[in-house]
Amino acid sequence: MKNNKSRTTNAAAHASGATAEFGGWLAAKLEGRGYDLSGQRSGGRSAFAEDSGISLSTVMRLLKGEIPTDIRILRTLAEAIREPYAEVLVRAGVLTSEELAAVQRPTAPPGERITPDQAADELGITDPTERRLFLNMTDTLRRSNEPGEQRLAD
């Protein structure tokens, strides 16, 4: 991995910029949801901690822009403020927008197709029955496009 050092440097630079903005972004989200953060004793921080199930000390650190190393806290935060988890991960500097897009829309290497299993994964089809149905349908559609095969509508 010859690019490992530059990757780490880029990630660190992004993370430091994101953490500087994260606390302000979170404060705006909380105030928008009605939590009063105007003063240390305004009660908004404590109320959010109680409502979200995140400890008050962690809420305080988040508002200061200190990003937790346990991303489960960020998932809990995302649920509490009703923001997509992916958005919180980007805002926190855990992922860049480009990394998120690559994860959300992975592409096959040039000249190759993704498999039906990979497509099911990308579409989030996890129910075993629905997955079998999806895989069977893609198999049927692929076979119907092969030369010499009769189409379903024929």
N, C-alpha and C. Protein backbone atom coordinates (compact mmCIF):
# COMPACT_ATOMS: atom_id res chain seq x y z
N MET A 1 0.84 -1.19 0.00
CA MET A 1 0.00 0.00 0.00
C MET A 1 0.87 1.24 0.00
N LYS A 2 1.29 1.64 -1.15
CA LYS A 2 2.20 2.76 -1.19
C LYS A 2 1.52 4.09 -0.92
N ASN A 3 0.19 4.19 -1.07
CA ASN A 3 -0.52 5.43 -0.82
C ASN A 3 -1.06 5.53 0.60
N ASN A 4 -0.71 4.58 1.44
CA ASN A 4 -1.25 4.55 2.79
C ASN A 4 -0.94 5.82 3.57
N LYS A 5 0.30 6.33 3.45
CA LYS A 5 0.68 7.52 4.20
C LYS A 5 -0.11 8.74 3.74
N SER A 6 -0.24 8.93 2.41
CA SER A 6 -0.99 10.08 1.93
C SER A 6 -2.47 9.93 2.27
N ARG A 7 -3.00 8.72 2.26
CA ARG A 7 -4.40 8.47 2.62
C ARG A 7 -4.63 8.87 4.07
N THR A 8 -3.72 8.48 4.94
CA THR A 8 -3.84 8.83 6.35
C THR A 8 -3.78 10.34 6.53
N THR A 9 -2.88 11.00 5.82
CA THR A 9 -2.76 12.45 5.91
C THR A 9 -4.03 13.14 5.43
N ASN A 10 -4.58 12.68 4.30
CA ASN A 10 -5.81 13.26 3.78
C ASN A 10 -6.96 13.05 4.74
N ALA A 11 -7.07 11.85 5.29
CA ALA A 11 -8.15 11.56 6.23
C ALA A 11 -8.01 12.42 7.48
N ALA A 12 -6.79 12.58 7.97
CA ALA A 12 -6.57 13.40 9.17
C ALA A 12 -6.92 14.85 8.90
N ALA A 13 -6.55 15.35 7.73
CA ALA A 13 -6.86 16.73 7.39
C ALA A 13 -8.37 16.93 7.28
N HIS A 14 -9.04 16.00 6.67
CA HIS A 14 -10.50 16.09 6.55
C HIS A 14 -11.15 16.01 7.93
N ALA A 15 -10.68 15.07 8.74
CA ALA A 15 -11.26 14.88 10.06
C ALA A 15 -11.09 16.13 10.92
N SER A 16 -9.92 16.76 10.87
CA SER A 16 -9.71 17.94 11.71
C SER A 16 -10.63 19.08 11.27
N GLY A 17 -10.84 19.24 9.97
CA GLY A 17 -11.77 20.26 9.49
C GLY A 17 -13.19 19.94 9.88
N ALA A 18 -13.54 18.67 9.76
CA ALA A 18 -14.91 18.26 10.09
C ALA A 18 -15.19 18.41 11.57
N THR A 19 -14.22 18.07 12.43
CA THR A 19 -14.46 18.17 13.87
C THR A 19 -14.64 19.62 14.30
N ALA A 20 -13.94 20.53 13.62
CA ALA A 20 -14.09 21.94 13.96
C ALA A 20 -15.51 22.42 13.68
N GLU A 21 -16.14 21.86 12.67
CA GLU A 21 -17.49 22.27 12.29
C GLU A 21 -18.58 21.42 12.94
N PHE A 22 -18.22 20.23 13.39
CA PHE A 22 -19.22 19.28 13.87
C PHE A 22 -20.02 19.81 15.05
N GLY A 23 -19.34 20.39 16.03
CA GLY A 23 -20.03 20.91 17.21
C GLY A 23 -21.05 21.98 16.86
N GLY A 24 -20.69 22.88 15.97
CA GLY A 24 -21.62 23.93 15.54
C GLY A 24 -22.80 23.35 14.77
N TRP A 25 -22.53 22.37 13.91
CA TRP A 25 -23.59 21.72 13.15
C TRP A 25 -24.57 21.03 14.10
N LEU A 26 -24.02 20.29 15.08
CA LEU A 26 -24.86 19.58 16.04
C LEU A 26 -25.67 20.56 16.89
N ALA A 27 -25.03 21.64 17.34
CA ALA A 27 -25.76 22.64 18.15
C ALA A 27 -26.94 23.20 17.35
N ALA A 28 -26.73 23.50 16.08
CA ALA A 28 -27.81 24.02 15.24
C ALA A 28 -28.94 22.99 15.11
N LYS A 29 -28.58 21.72 14.95
CA LYS A 29 -29.59 20.66 14.85
C LYS A 29 -30.40 20.56 16.14
N LEU A 30 -29.70 20.60 17.28
CA LEU A 30 -30.40 20.49 18.57
C LEU A 30 -31.29 21.69 18.83
N GLU A 31 -30.79 22.88 18.54
CA GLU A 31 -31.60 24.09 18.73
C GLU A 31 -32.82 24.05 17.80
N GLY A 32 -32.62 23.54 16.59
CA GLY A 32 -33.73 23.40 15.65
C GLY A 32 -34.78 22.41 16.14
N ARG A 33 -34.38 21.50 16.99
CA ARG A 33 -35.32 20.52 17.55
C ARG A 33 -35.87 21.01 18.89
N GLY A 34 -35.55 22.26 19.28
CA GLY A 34 -36.15 22.86 20.46
C GLY A 34 -35.32 22.77 21.73
N TYR A 35 -34.09 22.31 21.66
CA TYR A 35 -33.24 22.24 22.85
C TYR A 35 -32.56 23.59 23.04
N ASP A 36 -32.69 24.15 24.23
CA ASP A 36 -32.09 25.44 24.55
C ASP A 36 -30.64 25.24 24.97
N LEU A 37 -29.74 25.71 24.14
CA LEU A 37 -28.31 25.58 24.43
C LEU A 37 -27.69 26.94 24.74
N SER A 38 -28.52 27.94 25.08
CA SER A 38 -28.04 29.31 25.25
C SER A 38 -27.08 29.49 26.42
N GLY A 39 -27.15 28.65 27.41
CA GLY A 39 -26.26 28.80 28.55
C GLY A 39 -25.98 27.45 29.19
N GLN A 40 -24.99 27.42 30.08
CA GLN A 40 -24.60 26.17 30.73
C GLN A 40 -25.75 25.58 31.54
N ARG A 41 -26.63 26.43 32.05
CA ARG A 41 -27.72 25.94 32.90
C ARG A 41 -29.08 26.04 32.20
N SER A 42 -29.08 26.13 30.88
CA SER A 42 -30.34 26.28 30.15
C SER A 42 -31.14 24.99 30.08
N GLY A 43 -30.50 23.85 30.32
CA GLY A 43 -31.20 22.58 30.38
C GLY A 43 -31.27 21.81 29.07
N GLY A 44 -30.92 22.44 27.98
CA GLY A 44 -31.02 21.77 26.69
C GLY A 44 -30.08 20.58 26.54
N ARG A 45 -28.88 20.71 27.04
CA ARG A 45 -27.91 19.62 26.94
C ARG A 45 -28.38 18.41 27.75
N SER A 46 -28.81 18.68 28.97
CA SER A 46 -29.30 17.60 29.83
C SER A 46 -30.55 16.95 29.26
N ALA A 47 -31.44 17.77 28.73
CA ALA A 47 -32.68 17.24 28.16
C ALA A 47 -32.37 16.35 26.96
N PHE A 48 -31.44 16.80 26.10
CA PHE A 48 -31.08 15.98 24.94
C PHE A 48 -30.41 14.69 25.39
N ALA A 49 -29.53 14.78 26.39
CA ALA A 49 -28.87 13.58 26.90
C ALA A 49 -29.91 12.57 27.38
N GLU A 50 -30.88 13.03 28.12
CA GLU A 50 -31.93 12.14 28.62
C GLU A 50 -32.77 11.58 27.48
N ASP A 51 -33.16 12.44 26.55
CA ASP A 51 -34.01 12.00 25.43
C ASP A 51 -33.30 11.02 24.50
N SER A 52 -31.99 11.22 24.30
CA SER A 52 -31.25 10.41 23.34
C SER A 52 -30.65 9.14 23.94
N GLY A 53 -30.46 9.13 25.25
CA GLY A 53 -29.78 8.00 25.87
C GLY A 53 -28.27 8.10 25.80
N ILE A 54 -27.78 9.25 25.39
CA ILE A 54 -26.34 9.51 25.34
C ILE A 54 -25.99 10.25 26.63
N SER A 55 -24.90 9.86 27.25
CA SER A 55 -24.55 10.50 28.53
C SER A 55 -24.32 12.00 28.34
N LEU A 56 -24.57 12.75 29.40
CA LEU A 56 -24.38 14.20 29.35
C LEU A 56 -22.93 14.56 29.02
N SER A 57 -21.99 13.83 29.59
CA SER A 57 -20.57 14.15 29.30
C SER A 57 -20.26 13.92 27.82
N THR A 58 -20.86 12.90 27.23
CA THR A 58 -20.63 12.65 25.80
C THR A 58 -21.31 13.73 24.96
N VAL A 59 -22.51 14.15 25.35
CA VAL A 59 -23.19 15.23 24.64
C VAL A 59 -22.33 16.49 24.68
N MET A 60 -21.77 16.79 25.83
CA MET A 60 -20.91 17.97 25.97
C MET A 60 -19.70 17.87 25.04
N ARG A 61 -19.09 16.69 25.00
CA ARG A 61 -17.92 16.50 24.11
C ARG A 61 -18.33 16.64 22.65
N LEU A 62 -19.47 16.09 22.28
CA LEU A 62 -19.94 16.19 20.90
C LEU A 62 -20.16 17.65 20.51
N LEU A 63 -20.76 18.42 21.41
CA LEU A 63 -21.00 19.83 21.13
C LEU A 63 -19.71 20.64 21.04
N LYS A 64 -18.65 20.15 21.66
CA LYS A 64 -17.33 20.79 21.55
C LYS A 64 -16.61 20.35 20.28
N GLY A 65 -17.21 19.41 19.56
CA GLY A 65 -16.59 18.93 18.33
C GLY A 65 -15.65 17.76 18.54
N GLU A 66 -15.71 17.17 19.72
CA GLU A 66 -14.87 16.00 20.00
C GLU A 66 -15.62 14.76 19.51
N ILE A 67 -15.04 14.10 18.52
CA ILE A 67 -15.71 12.97 17.88
C ILE A 67 -15.36 11.69 18.64
N PRO A 68 -16.37 10.90 18.98
CA PRO A 68 -16.10 9.65 19.70
C PRO A 68 -15.43 8.63 18.78
N THR A 69 -14.64 7.75 19.36
CA THR A 69 -14.02 6.69 18.57
C THR A 69 -14.99 5.54 18.36
N ASP A 70 -16.02 5.45 19.17
CA ASP A 70 -17.03 4.41 19.04
C ASP A 70 -18.15 4.95 18.16
N ILE A 71 -18.23 4.47 16.92
CA ILE A 71 -19.22 5.02 16.00
C ILE A 71 -20.65 4.63 16.35
N ARG A 72 -20.82 3.72 17.31
CA ARG A 72 -22.18 3.41 17.77
C ARG A 72 -22.81 4.65 18.41
N ILE A 73 -21.99 5.48 19.02
CA ILE A 73 -22.50 6.72 19.60
C ILE A 73 -23.04 7.62 18.48
N LEU A 74 -22.32 7.65 17.36
CA LEU A 74 -22.78 8.46 16.24
C LEU A 74 -24.08 7.91 15.65
N ARG A 75 -24.25 6.59 15.67
CA ARG A 75 -25.52 6.01 15.20
C ARG A 75 -26.65 6.42 16.13
N THR A 76 -26.41 6.34 17.42
CA THR A 76 -27.43 6.76 18.40
C THR A 76 -27.75 8.24 18.21
N LEU A 77 -26.73 9.03 17.99
CA LEU A 77 -26.92 10.46 17.75
C LEU A 77 -27.77 10.68 16.51
N ALA A 78 -27.45 9.98 15.43
CA ALA A 78 -28.21 10.12 14.18
C ALA A 78 -29.68 9.81 14.40
N GLU A 79 -29.94 8.75 15.12
CA GLU A 79 -31.33 8.39 15.41
C GLU A 79 -32.02 9.46 16.26
N ALA A 80 -31.30 9.99 17.23
CA ALA A 80 -31.88 10.98 18.14
C ALA A 80 -32.20 12.29 17.44
N ILE A 81 -31.36 12.69 16.49
CA ILE A 81 -31.61 13.97 15.81
C ILE A 81 -32.32 13.76 14.47
N ARG A 82 -32.66 12.50 14.20
CA ARG A 82 -33.39 12.13 12.98
C ARG A 82 -32.67 12.59 11.71
N GLU A 83 -31.38 12.30 11.67
CA GLU A 83 -30.55 12.57 10.50
C GLU A 83 -30.03 11.24 9.99
N PRO A 84 -29.82 11.13 8.70
CA PRO A 84 -29.25 9.88 8.19
C PRO A 84 -27.88 9.61 8.83
N TYR A 85 -27.67 8.36 9.18
CA TYR A 85 -26.42 7.94 9.80
C TYR A 85 -25.23 8.35 8.92
N ALA A 86 -25.38 8.16 7.62
CA ALA A 86 -24.30 8.50 6.70
C ALA A 86 -23.95 9.99 6.79
N GLU A 87 -24.95 10.84 6.92
CA GLU A 87 -24.71 12.28 7.04
C GLU A 87 -23.91 12.59 8.31
N VAL A 88 -24.26 11.95 9.40
CA VAL A 88 -23.54 12.17 10.66
C VAL A 88 -22.08 11.69 10.52
N LEU A 89 -21.88 10.55 9.88
CA LEU A 89 -20.51 10.05 9.69
C LEU A 89 -19.67 11.02 8.86
N VAL A 90 -20.27 11.62 7.84
CA VAL A 90 -19.54 12.59 7.02
C VAL A 90 -19.28 13.86 7.82
N ARG A 91 -20.29 14.35 8.51
CA ARG A 91 -20.13 15.57 9.32
C ARG A 91 -19.07 15.40 10.40
N ALA A 92 -19.00 14.17 10.94
CA ALA A 92 -18.03 13.89 12.01
C ALA A 92 -16.63 13.64 11.47
N GLY A 93 -16.51 13.55 10.15
CA GLY A 93 -15.19 13.33 9.56
C GLY A 93 -14.76 11.88 9.55
N VAL A 94 -15.67 10.98 9.86
CA VAL A 94 -15.35 9.55 9.83
C VAL A 94 -15.19 9.11 8.39
N LEU A 95 -16.02 9.64 7.50
CA LEU A 95 -15.96 9.37 6.06
C LEU A 95 -15.96 10.69 5.31
N THR A 96 -15.33 10.72 4.16
CA THR A 96 -15.47 11.86 3.28
C THR A 96 -16.70 11.62 2.42
N SER A 97 -17.20 12.65 1.78
CA SER A 97 -18.34 12.49 0.88
C SER A 97 -18.01 11.51 -0.24
N GLU A 98 -16.77 11.55 -0.72
CA GLU A 98 -16.35 10.65 -1.79
C GLU A 98 -16.31 9.20 -1.31
N GLU A 99 -15.82 8.99 -0.11
CA GLU A 99 -15.80 7.63 0.44
C GLU A 99 -17.21 7.10 0.65
N LEU A 100 -18.09 7.96 1.11
CA LEU A 100 -19.48 7.55 1.31
C LEU A 100 -20.11 7.16 -0.03
N ALA A 101 -19.89 7.97 -1.05
CA ALA A 101 -20.45 7.66 -2.37
C ALA A 101 -19.90 6.33 -2.89
N ALA A 102 -18.62 6.08 -2.66
CA ALA A 102 -18.03 4.83 -3.12
C ALA A 102 -18.63 3.63 -2.40
N VAL A 103 -18.94 3.80 -1.14
CA VAL A 103 -19.55 2.71 -0.36
C VAL A 103 -21.01 2.53 -0.77
N GLN A 104 -21.70 3.62 -0.99
CA GLN A 104 -23.11 3.54 -1.34
C GLN A 104 -23.33 3.04 -2.76
N ARG A 105 -22.42 3.37 -3.65
CA ARG A 105 -22.56 2.96 -5.05
C ARG A 105 -21.29 2.33 -5.56
N PRO A 106 -20.94 1.18 -4.99
CA PRO A 106 -19.72 0.54 -5.47
C PRO A 106 -19.90 0.10 -6.92
N THR A 107 -18.84 0.17 -7.64
CA THR A 107 -18.91 -0.26 -9.03
C THR A 107 -17.96 -1.42 -9.24
N ALA A 108 -18.30 -2.22 -10.20
CA ALA A 108 -17.43 -3.34 -10.55
C ALA A 108 -16.20 -2.78 -11.24
N PRO A 109 -15.10 -3.53 -11.20
CA PRO A 109 -13.92 -3.09 -11.95
C PRO A 109 -14.27 -2.90 -13.42
N PRO A 110 -13.58 -2.02 -14.11
CA PRO A 110 -13.89 -1.76 -15.52
C PRO A 110 -13.97 -3.05 -16.32
N GLY A 111 -15.00 -3.15 -17.13
CA GLY A 111 -15.18 -4.33 -17.98
C GLY A 111 -15.86 -5.50 -17.29
N GLU A 112 -16.13 -5.40 -16.01
CA GLU A 112 -16.78 -6.50 -15.28
C GLU A 112 -18.15 -6.06 -14.80
N ARG A 113 -19.03 -7.02 -14.64
CA ARG A 113 -20.36 -6.75 -14.11
C ARG A 113 -20.42 -7.20 -12.65
N ILE A 114 -21.31 -6.57 -11.91
CA ILE A 114 -21.52 -7.04 -10.55
C ILE A 114 -22.40 -8.29 -10.62
N THR A 115 -22.30 -9.12 -9.62
CA THR A 115 -23.11 -10.34 -9.57
C THR A 115 -24.48 -10.00 -8.99
N PRO A 116 -25.46 -10.86 -9.21
CA PRO A 116 -26.77 -10.64 -8.59
C PRO A 116 -26.68 -10.55 -7.06
N ASP A 117 -25.78 -11.34 -6.45
CA ASP A 117 -25.60 -11.26 -5.00
C ASP A 117 -25.10 -9.87 -4.59
N GLN A 118 -24.15 -9.34 -5.36
CA GLN A 118 -23.63 -8.00 -5.07
C GLN A 118 -24.73 -6.96 -5.25
N ALA A 119 -25.56 -7.12 -6.29
CA ALA A 119 -26.66 -6.19 -6.52
C ALA A 119 -27.65 -6.24 -5.35
N ALA A 120 -27.95 -7.45 -4.88
CA ALA A 120 -28.85 -7.59 -3.73
C ALA A 120 -28.27 -6.90 -2.50
N ASP A 121 -26.96 -7.06 -2.29
CA ASP A 121 -26.30 -6.40 -1.17
C ASP A 121 -26.42 -4.88 -1.30
N GLU A 122 -26.14 -4.36 -2.50
CA GLU A 122 -26.19 -2.92 -2.72
C GLU A 122 -27.60 -2.37 -2.53
N LEU A 123 -28.59 -3.17 -2.87
CA LEU A 123 -29.98 -2.74 -2.72
C LEU A 123 -30.51 -2.95 -1.30
N GLY A 124 -29.71 -3.61 -0.46
CA GLY A 124 -30.12 -3.83 0.93
C GLY A 124 -31.15 -4.93 1.09
N ILE A 125 -31.18 -5.87 0.18
CA ILE A 125 -32.14 -6.97 0.26
C ILE A 125 -31.55 -8.04 1.17
N THR A 126 -32.03 -8.09 2.40
CA THR A 126 -31.47 -9.01 3.39
C THR A 126 -32.42 -10.14 3.78
N ASP A 127 -33.72 -9.92 3.60
CA ASP A 127 -34.69 -10.96 3.92
C ASP A 127 -34.42 -12.17 3.02
N PRO A 128 -34.23 -13.37 3.60
CA PRO A 128 -33.88 -14.54 2.78
C PRO A 128 -34.87 -14.84 1.67
N THR A 129 -36.16 -14.72 1.92
CA THR A 129 -37.16 -15.00 0.89
C THR A 129 -37.10 -13.96 -0.22
N GLU A 130 -37.03 -12.70 0.16
CA GLU A 130 -36.94 -11.63 -0.84
C GLU A 130 -35.65 -11.74 -1.64
N ARG A 131 -34.57 -12.12 -0.98
CA ARG A 131 -33.29 -12.27 -1.68
C ARG A 131 -33.36 -13.40 -2.70
N ARG A 132 -33.94 -14.56 -2.32
CA ARG A 132 -34.08 -15.67 -3.27
C ARG A 132 -34.93 -15.25 -4.46
N LEU A 133 -36.01 -14.53 -4.19
CA LEU A 133 -36.87 -14.05 -5.25
C LEU A 133 -36.11 -13.13 -6.20
N PHE A 134 -35.35 -12.21 -5.65
CA PHE A 134 -34.54 -11.29 -6.45
C PHE A 134 -33.53 -12.05 -7.30
N LEU A 135 -32.81 -12.99 -6.67
CA LEU A 135 -31.79 -13.75 -7.40
C LEU A 135 -32.42 -14.61 -8.49
N ASN A 136 -33.56 -15.23 -8.20
CA ASN A 136 -34.25 -16.03 -9.22
C ASN A 136 -34.71 -15.15 -10.38
N MET A 137 -35.23 -13.97 -10.07
CA MET A 137 -35.71 -13.07 -11.12
C MET A 137 -34.54 -12.60 -11.99
N THR A 138 -33.43 -12.24 -11.39
CA THR A 138 -32.29 -11.80 -12.20
C THR A 138 -31.77 -12.95 -13.05
N ASP A 139 -31.78 -14.15 -12.51
CA ASP A 139 -31.34 -15.31 -13.29
C ASP A 139 -32.28 -15.55 -14.47
N THR A 140 -33.58 -15.45 -14.24
CA THR A 140 -34.56 -15.62 -15.31
C THR A 140 -34.39 -14.55 -16.38
N LEU A 141 -34.21 -13.31 -15.96
CA LEU A 141 -34.04 -12.22 -16.92
C LEU A 141 -32.75 -12.37 -17.72
N ARG A 142 -31.68 -12.79 -17.07
CA ARG A 142 -30.42 -13.00 -17.81
C ARG A 142 -30.57 -14.12 -18.81
N ARG A 143 -31.22 -15.21 -18.43
CA ARG A 143 -31.40 -16.34 -19.35
C ARG A 143 -32.29 -15.97 -20.52
N SER A 144 -33.29 -15.10 -20.27
CA SER A 144 -34.20 -14.73 -21.36
C SER A 144 -33.51 -13.86 -22.40
N ASN A 145 -32.37 -13.27 -22.06
CA ASN A 145 -31.63 -12.45 -23.00
C ASN A 145 -30.54 -13.21 -23.74
N GLU A 146 -30.34 -14.49 -23.40
CA GLU A 146 -29.33 -15.29 -24.08
C GLU A 146 -29.85 -15.72 -25.45
N PRO A 147 -28.96 -15.78 -26.45
CA PRO A 147 -29.38 -16.21 -27.78
C PRO A 147 -29.99 -17.62 -27.72
N GLY A 148 -31.06 -17.81 -28.47
CA GLY A 148 -31.70 -19.12 -28.53
C GLY A 148 -32.71 -19.36 -27.44
N GLU A 149 -32.79 -18.47 -26.46
CA GLU A 149 -33.76 -18.62 -25.38
C GLU A 149 -35.07 -17.98 -25.78
N GLN A 150 -36.15 -18.58 -25.39
CA GLN A 150 -37.46 -18.02 -25.67
C GLN A 150 -37.79 -16.98 -24.60
N ARG A 151 -38.35 -15.86 -25.02
CA ARG A 151 -38.70 -14.80 -24.08
C ARG A 151 -39.93 -15.20 -23.29
N LEU A 152 -40.07 -14.66 -22.09
CA LEU A 152 -41.20 -14.98 -21.23
C LEU A 152 -42.52 -14.58 -21.88
N ALA A 153 -42.54 -13.49 -22.64
CA ALA A 153 -43.78 -13.00 -23.24
C ALA A 153 -44.18 -13.81 -24.47
N ASP A 154 -43.28 -14.63 -25.03
CA ASP A 154 -43.60 -15.40 -26.23
C ASP A 154 -44.52 -16.56 -25.92
